[in-house]
Amino acid sequence: MGEERIKQAKNNFKDYLDEGKMKRMNRFNNVIYETYLRNAKERLNVANQLKAKGASFQYWTTEKIKESKAKTSLNGVKEFVELIRGGLGK
């Protein structure tokens, strides 16, 4: 998570407290707090996993594109060489 998003989340949390949408927790409300915290941690974990998979997928995709372009180039050169050989043989 970027610094800007962390700052926004902190501001949202403070605003919720200030506006009374959330209240400071007592023992009974601790379950709500723990749930909120667990969900936030899970979202962060999922975001990090998606970011890692995205980077890995991007690397894999880039390598596959490079490989495909190299094969296309090689095939083009082979065809050109065959064309030249055929032309010179005539």
N, C-alpha and C. Protein backbone atom coordinates (compact mmCIF):
# COMPACT_ATOMS: atom_id res chain seq x y z
N MET A 1 0.84 -1.17 0.00
CA MET A 1 0.00 0.00 0.00
C MET A 1 0.89 1.24 0.00
N GLY A 2 0.57 2.18 -0.84
CA GLY A 2 1.36 3.39 -0.91
C GLY A 2 1.13 4.30 0.28
N GLU A 3 2.06 5.21 0.47
CA GLU A 3 1.98 6.14 1.59
C GLU A 3 0.70 6.97 1.53
N GLU A 4 0.32 7.36 0.34
CA GLU A 4 -0.89 8.18 0.18
C GLU A 4 -2.14 7.42 0.64
N ARG A 5 -2.22 6.13 0.28
CA ARG A 5 -3.38 5.33 0.68
C ARG A 5 -3.39 5.09 2.19
N ILE A 6 -2.22 4.89 2.79
CA ILE A 6 -2.15 4.71 4.24
C ILE A 6 -2.61 5.98 4.94
N LYS A 7 -2.14 7.13 4.44
CA LYS A 7 -2.55 8.42 5.01
C LYS A 7 -4.07 8.60 4.90
N GLN A 8 -4.63 8.24 3.74
CA GLN A 8 -6.08 8.36 3.54
C GLN A 8 -6.84 7.45 4.50
N ALA A 9 -6.36 6.22 4.70
CA ALA A 9 -7.02 5.28 5.61
C ALA A 9 -7.00 5.83 7.03
N LYS A 10 -5.87 6.39 7.45
CA LYS A 10 -5.78 6.98 8.80
C LYS A 10 -6.75 8.15 8.94
N ASN A 11 -6.81 8.99 7.91
CA ASN A 11 -7.74 10.13 7.95
C ASN A 11 -9.19 9.65 7.99
N ASN A 12 -9.51 8.63 7.21
CA ASN A 12 -10.87 8.08 7.23
C ASN A 12 -11.23 7.57 8.62
N PHE A 13 -10.29 6.84 9.23
CA PHE A 13 -10.52 6.28 10.56
C PHE A 13 -10.76 7.41 11.56
N LYS A 14 -9.93 8.46 11.51
CA LYS A 14 -10.08 9.60 12.41
C LYS A 14 -11.42 10.28 12.18
N ASP A 15 -11.79 10.47 10.90
CA ASP A 15 -13.07 11.09 10.58
C ASP A 15 -14.25 10.27 11.12
N TYR A 16 -14.17 8.95 10.98
CA TYR A 16 -15.23 8.09 11.49
C TYR A 16 -15.38 8.26 13.00
N LEU A 17 -14.26 8.37 13.70
CA LEU A 17 -14.31 8.59 15.15
C LEU A 17 -14.92 9.96 15.45
N ASP A 18 -14.44 11.00 14.74
CA ASP A 18 -14.92 12.37 14.97
C ASP A 18 -16.41 12.51 14.66
N GLU A 19 -16.88 11.83 13.63
CA GLU A 19 -18.29 11.94 13.22
C GLU A 19 -19.21 11.00 14.00
N GLY A 20 -18.64 10.18 14.84
CA GLY A 20 -19.44 9.26 15.63
C GLY A 20 -19.86 8.01 14.88
N LYS A 21 -19.32 7.81 13.68
CA LYS A 21 -19.64 6.59 12.93
C LYS A 21 -19.00 5.39 13.60
N MET A 22 -17.90 5.67 14.31
CA MET A 22 -17.24 4.64 15.12
C MET A 22 -17.01 5.25 16.49
N LYS A 23 -16.96 4.42 17.49
CA LYS A 23 -16.70 4.90 18.84
C LYS A 23 -15.49 4.18 19.39
N ARG A 24 -14.82 4.84 20.31
CA ARG A 24 -13.70 4.17 20.97
C ARG A 24 -14.25 2.92 21.64
N MET A 25 -13.46 1.88 21.61
CA MET A 25 -13.96 0.58 22.00
C MET A 25 -13.93 0.34 23.52
N ASN A 26 -15.00 -0.26 23.97
CA ASN A 26 -14.99 -0.80 25.31
C ASN A 26 -14.86 -2.31 25.19
N ARG A 27 -14.96 -3.03 26.25
CA ARG A 27 -14.76 -4.49 26.19
C ARG A 27 -15.74 -5.16 25.23
N PHE A 28 -17.00 -4.76 25.26
CA PHE A 28 -18.01 -5.39 24.41
C PHE A 28 -17.71 -5.14 22.93
N ASN A 29 -17.29 -3.92 22.61
CA ASN A 29 -17.02 -3.57 21.22
C ASN A 29 -15.67 -4.06 20.73
N ASN A 30 -14.89 -4.69 21.59
CA ASN A 30 -13.59 -5.20 21.19
C ASN A 30 -13.72 -6.21 20.05
N VAL A 31 -14.80 -6.96 20.03
CA VAL A 31 -15.03 -7.93 18.94
C VAL A 31 -15.13 -7.20 17.61
N ILE A 32 -15.81 -6.07 17.60
CA ILE A 32 -15.95 -5.28 16.37
C ILE A 32 -14.58 -4.77 15.95
N TYR A 33 -13.82 -4.26 16.91
CA TYR A 33 -12.48 -3.75 16.61
C TYR A 33 -11.59 -4.86 16.05
N GLU A 34 -11.60 -6.02 16.68
CA GLU A 34 -10.77 -7.14 16.22
C GLU A 34 -11.18 -7.58 14.81
N THR A 35 -12.47 -7.57 14.54
CA THR A 35 -12.95 -7.92 13.20
C THR A 35 -12.48 -6.90 12.17
N TYR A 36 -12.61 -5.62 12.53
CA TYR A 36 -12.17 -4.54 11.64
C TYR A 36 -10.68 -4.67 11.35
N LEU A 37 -9.89 -4.92 12.39
CA LEU A 37 -8.46 -5.05 12.25
C LEU A 37 -8.09 -6.28 11.42
N ARG A 38 -8.75 -7.40 11.67
CA ARG A 38 -8.50 -8.64 10.91
C ARG A 38 -8.82 -8.44 9.43
N ASN A 39 -9.94 -7.78 9.15
CA ASN A 39 -10.32 -7.52 7.75
C ASN A 39 -9.30 -6.60 7.07
N ALA A 40 -8.84 -5.59 7.78
CA ALA A 40 -7.84 -4.68 7.21
C ALA A 40 -6.55 -5.42 6.89
N LYS A 41 -6.12 -6.29 7.81
CA LYS A 41 -4.91 -7.07 7.58
C LYS A 41 -5.08 -8.02 6.40
N GLU A 42 -6.25 -8.61 6.28
CA GLU A 42 -6.52 -9.53 5.18
C GLU A 42 -6.51 -8.78 3.84
N ARG A 43 -7.10 -7.58 3.80
CA ARG A 43 -7.09 -6.78 2.57
C ARG A 43 -5.66 -6.43 2.17
N LEU A 44 -4.85 -6.06 3.17
CA LEU A 44 -3.46 -5.73 2.89
C LEU A 44 -2.72 -6.95 2.34
N ASN A 45 -2.97 -8.11 2.93
CA ASN A 45 -2.34 -9.35 2.48
C ASN A 45 -2.74 -9.67 1.05
N VAL A 46 -4.02 -9.57 0.75
CA VAL A 46 -4.52 -9.85 -0.61
C VAL A 46 -3.92 -8.85 -1.60
N ALA A 47 -3.87 -7.58 -1.22
CA ALA A 47 -3.30 -6.57 -2.11
C ALA A 47 -1.84 -6.86 -2.41
N ASN A 48 -1.10 -7.25 -1.39
CA ASN A 48 0.32 -7.59 -1.58
C ASN A 48 0.47 -8.81 -2.48
N GLN A 49 -0.37 -9.81 -2.31
CA GLN A 49 -0.30 -11.01 -3.14
C GLN A 49 -0.64 -10.68 -4.59
N LEU A 50 -1.65 -9.86 -4.80
CA LEU A 50 -2.03 -9.48 -6.16
C LEU A 50 -0.92 -8.67 -6.82
N LYS A 51 -0.30 -7.80 -6.04
CA LYS A 51 0.81 -7.01 -6.57
C LYS A 51 1.96 -7.92 -6.98
N ALA A 52 2.29 -8.89 -6.14
CA ALA A 52 3.38 -9.83 -6.44
C ALA A 52 3.04 -10.67 -7.67
N LYS A 53 1.80 -11.16 -7.73
CA LYS A 53 1.39 -11.97 -8.89
C LYS A 53 1.38 -11.14 -10.14
N GLY A 54 0.96 -9.89 -10.03
CA GLY A 54 0.94 -9.00 -11.18
C GLY A 54 2.34 -8.77 -11.71
N ALA A 55 3.28 -8.54 -10.81
CA ALA A 55 4.67 -8.33 -11.22
C ALA A 55 5.22 -9.60 -11.86
N SER A 56 4.93 -10.73 -11.25
CA SER A 56 5.41 -12.01 -11.78
C SER A 56 4.77 -12.29 -13.14
N PHE A 57 3.48 -12.02 -13.27
CA PHE A 57 2.79 -12.23 -14.54
C PHE A 57 3.35 -11.30 -15.60
N GLN A 58 3.60 -10.05 -15.20
CA GLN A 58 4.14 -9.08 -16.15
C GLN A 58 5.51 -9.54 -16.64
N TYR A 59 6.36 -10.03 -15.74
CA TYR A 59 7.68 -10.51 -16.13
C TYR A 59 7.53 -11.70 -17.07
N TRP A 60 6.66 -12.64 -16.72
CA TRP A 60 6.44 -13.84 -17.55
C TRP A 60 5.95 -13.42 -18.93
N THR A 61 4.98 -12.51 -18.95
CA THR A 61 4.42 -12.05 -20.21
C THR A 61 5.49 -11.36 -21.06
N THR A 62 6.28 -10.51 -20.43
CA THR A 62 7.33 -9.81 -21.15
C THR A 62 8.32 -10.80 -21.75
N GLU A 63 8.71 -11.80 -20.98
CA GLU A 63 9.64 -12.81 -21.48
C GLU A 63 9.02 -13.60 -22.64
N LYS A 64 7.74 -13.94 -22.53
CA LYS A 64 7.07 -14.67 -23.61
C LYS A 64 6.99 -13.83 -24.87
N ILE A 65 6.73 -12.54 -24.72
CA ILE A 65 6.66 -11.65 -25.88
C ILE A 65 8.03 -11.57 -26.54
N LYS A 66 9.09 -11.42 -25.73
CA LYS A 66 10.45 -11.37 -26.27
C LYS A 66 10.77 -12.67 -27.01
N GLU A 67 10.41 -13.79 -26.41
CA GLU A 67 10.67 -15.10 -27.03
C GLU A 67 9.93 -15.21 -28.36
N SER A 68 8.67 -14.78 -28.36
CA SER A 68 7.87 -14.86 -29.58
C SER A 68 8.45 -13.96 -30.67
N LYS A 69 8.87 -12.76 -30.31
CA LYS A 69 9.46 -11.85 -31.29
C LYS A 69 10.76 -12.42 -31.84
N ALA A 70 11.55 -13.03 -30.96
CA ALA A 70 12.81 -13.63 -31.41
C ALA A 70 12.55 -14.77 -32.38
N LYS A 71 11.54 -15.61 -32.09
CA LYS A 71 11.20 -16.71 -32.99
C LYS A 71 10.72 -16.17 -34.33
N THR A 72 9.88 -15.15 -34.29
CA THR A 72 9.38 -14.55 -35.53
C THR A 72 10.54 -13.99 -36.35
N SER A 73 11.44 -13.32 -35.66
CA SER A 73 12.61 -12.76 -36.33
C SER A 73 13.47 -13.85 -36.95
N LEU A 74 13.71 -14.91 -36.20
CA LEU A 74 14.52 -16.03 -36.68
C LEU A 74 13.86 -16.68 -37.89
N ASN A 75 12.55 -16.89 -37.80
CA ASN A 75 11.83 -17.48 -38.94
C ASN A 75 11.90 -16.58 -40.17
N GLY A 76 11.81 -15.27 -39.93
CA GLY A 76 11.91 -14.33 -41.04
C GLY A 76 13.28 -14.39 -41.71
N VAL A 77 14.32 -14.47 -40.90
CA VAL A 77 15.68 -14.57 -41.43
C VAL A 77 15.85 -15.87 -42.21
N LYS A 78 15.33 -16.98 -41.65
CA LYS A 78 15.43 -18.28 -42.35
C LYS A 78 14.74 -18.21 -43.70
N GLU A 79 13.54 -17.61 -43.74
CA GLU A 79 12.82 -17.49 -45.00
C GLU A 79 13.58 -16.62 -45.98
N PHE A 80 14.17 -15.54 -45.49
CA PHE A 80 14.94 -14.64 -46.34
C PHE A 80 16.16 -15.36 -46.92
N VAL A 81 16.85 -16.12 -46.07
CA VAL A 81 18.03 -16.86 -46.52
C VAL A 81 17.61 -17.87 -47.60
N GLU A 82 16.52 -18.58 -47.37
CA GLU A 82 16.04 -19.55 -48.36
C GLU A 82 15.67 -18.84 -49.67
N LEU A 83 15.06 -17.68 -49.54
CA LEU A 83 14.67 -16.90 -50.74
C LEU A 83 15.92 -16.48 -51.51
N ILE A 84 16.92 -16.00 -50.80
CA ILE A 84 18.19 -15.59 -51.43
C ILE A 84 18.88 -16.80 -52.08
N ARG A 85 18.95 -17.90 -51.33
CA ARG A 85 19.58 -19.10 -51.89
C ARG A 85 18.86 -19.54 -53.17
N GLY A 86 17.53 -19.50 -53.10
CA GLY A 86 16.74 -19.89 -54.27
C GLY A 86 16.99 -18.96 -55.44
N GLY A 87 17.09 -17.66 -55.17
CA GLY A 87 17.33 -16.66 -56.21
C GLY A 87 18.70 -16.77 -56.80
N LEU A 88 19.69 -17.07 -55.98
CA LEU A 88 21.05 -17.18 -56.47
C LEU A 88 21.26 -18.48 -57.24
N GLY A 89 20.51 -19.48 -56.88
CA GLY A 89 20.64 -20.77 -57.56
C GLY A 89 20.04 -20.75 -58.96
N LYS A 90 19.18 -19.80 -59.25
CA LYS A 90 18.51 -19.78 -60.55
C LYS A 90 19.33 -19.13 -61.60
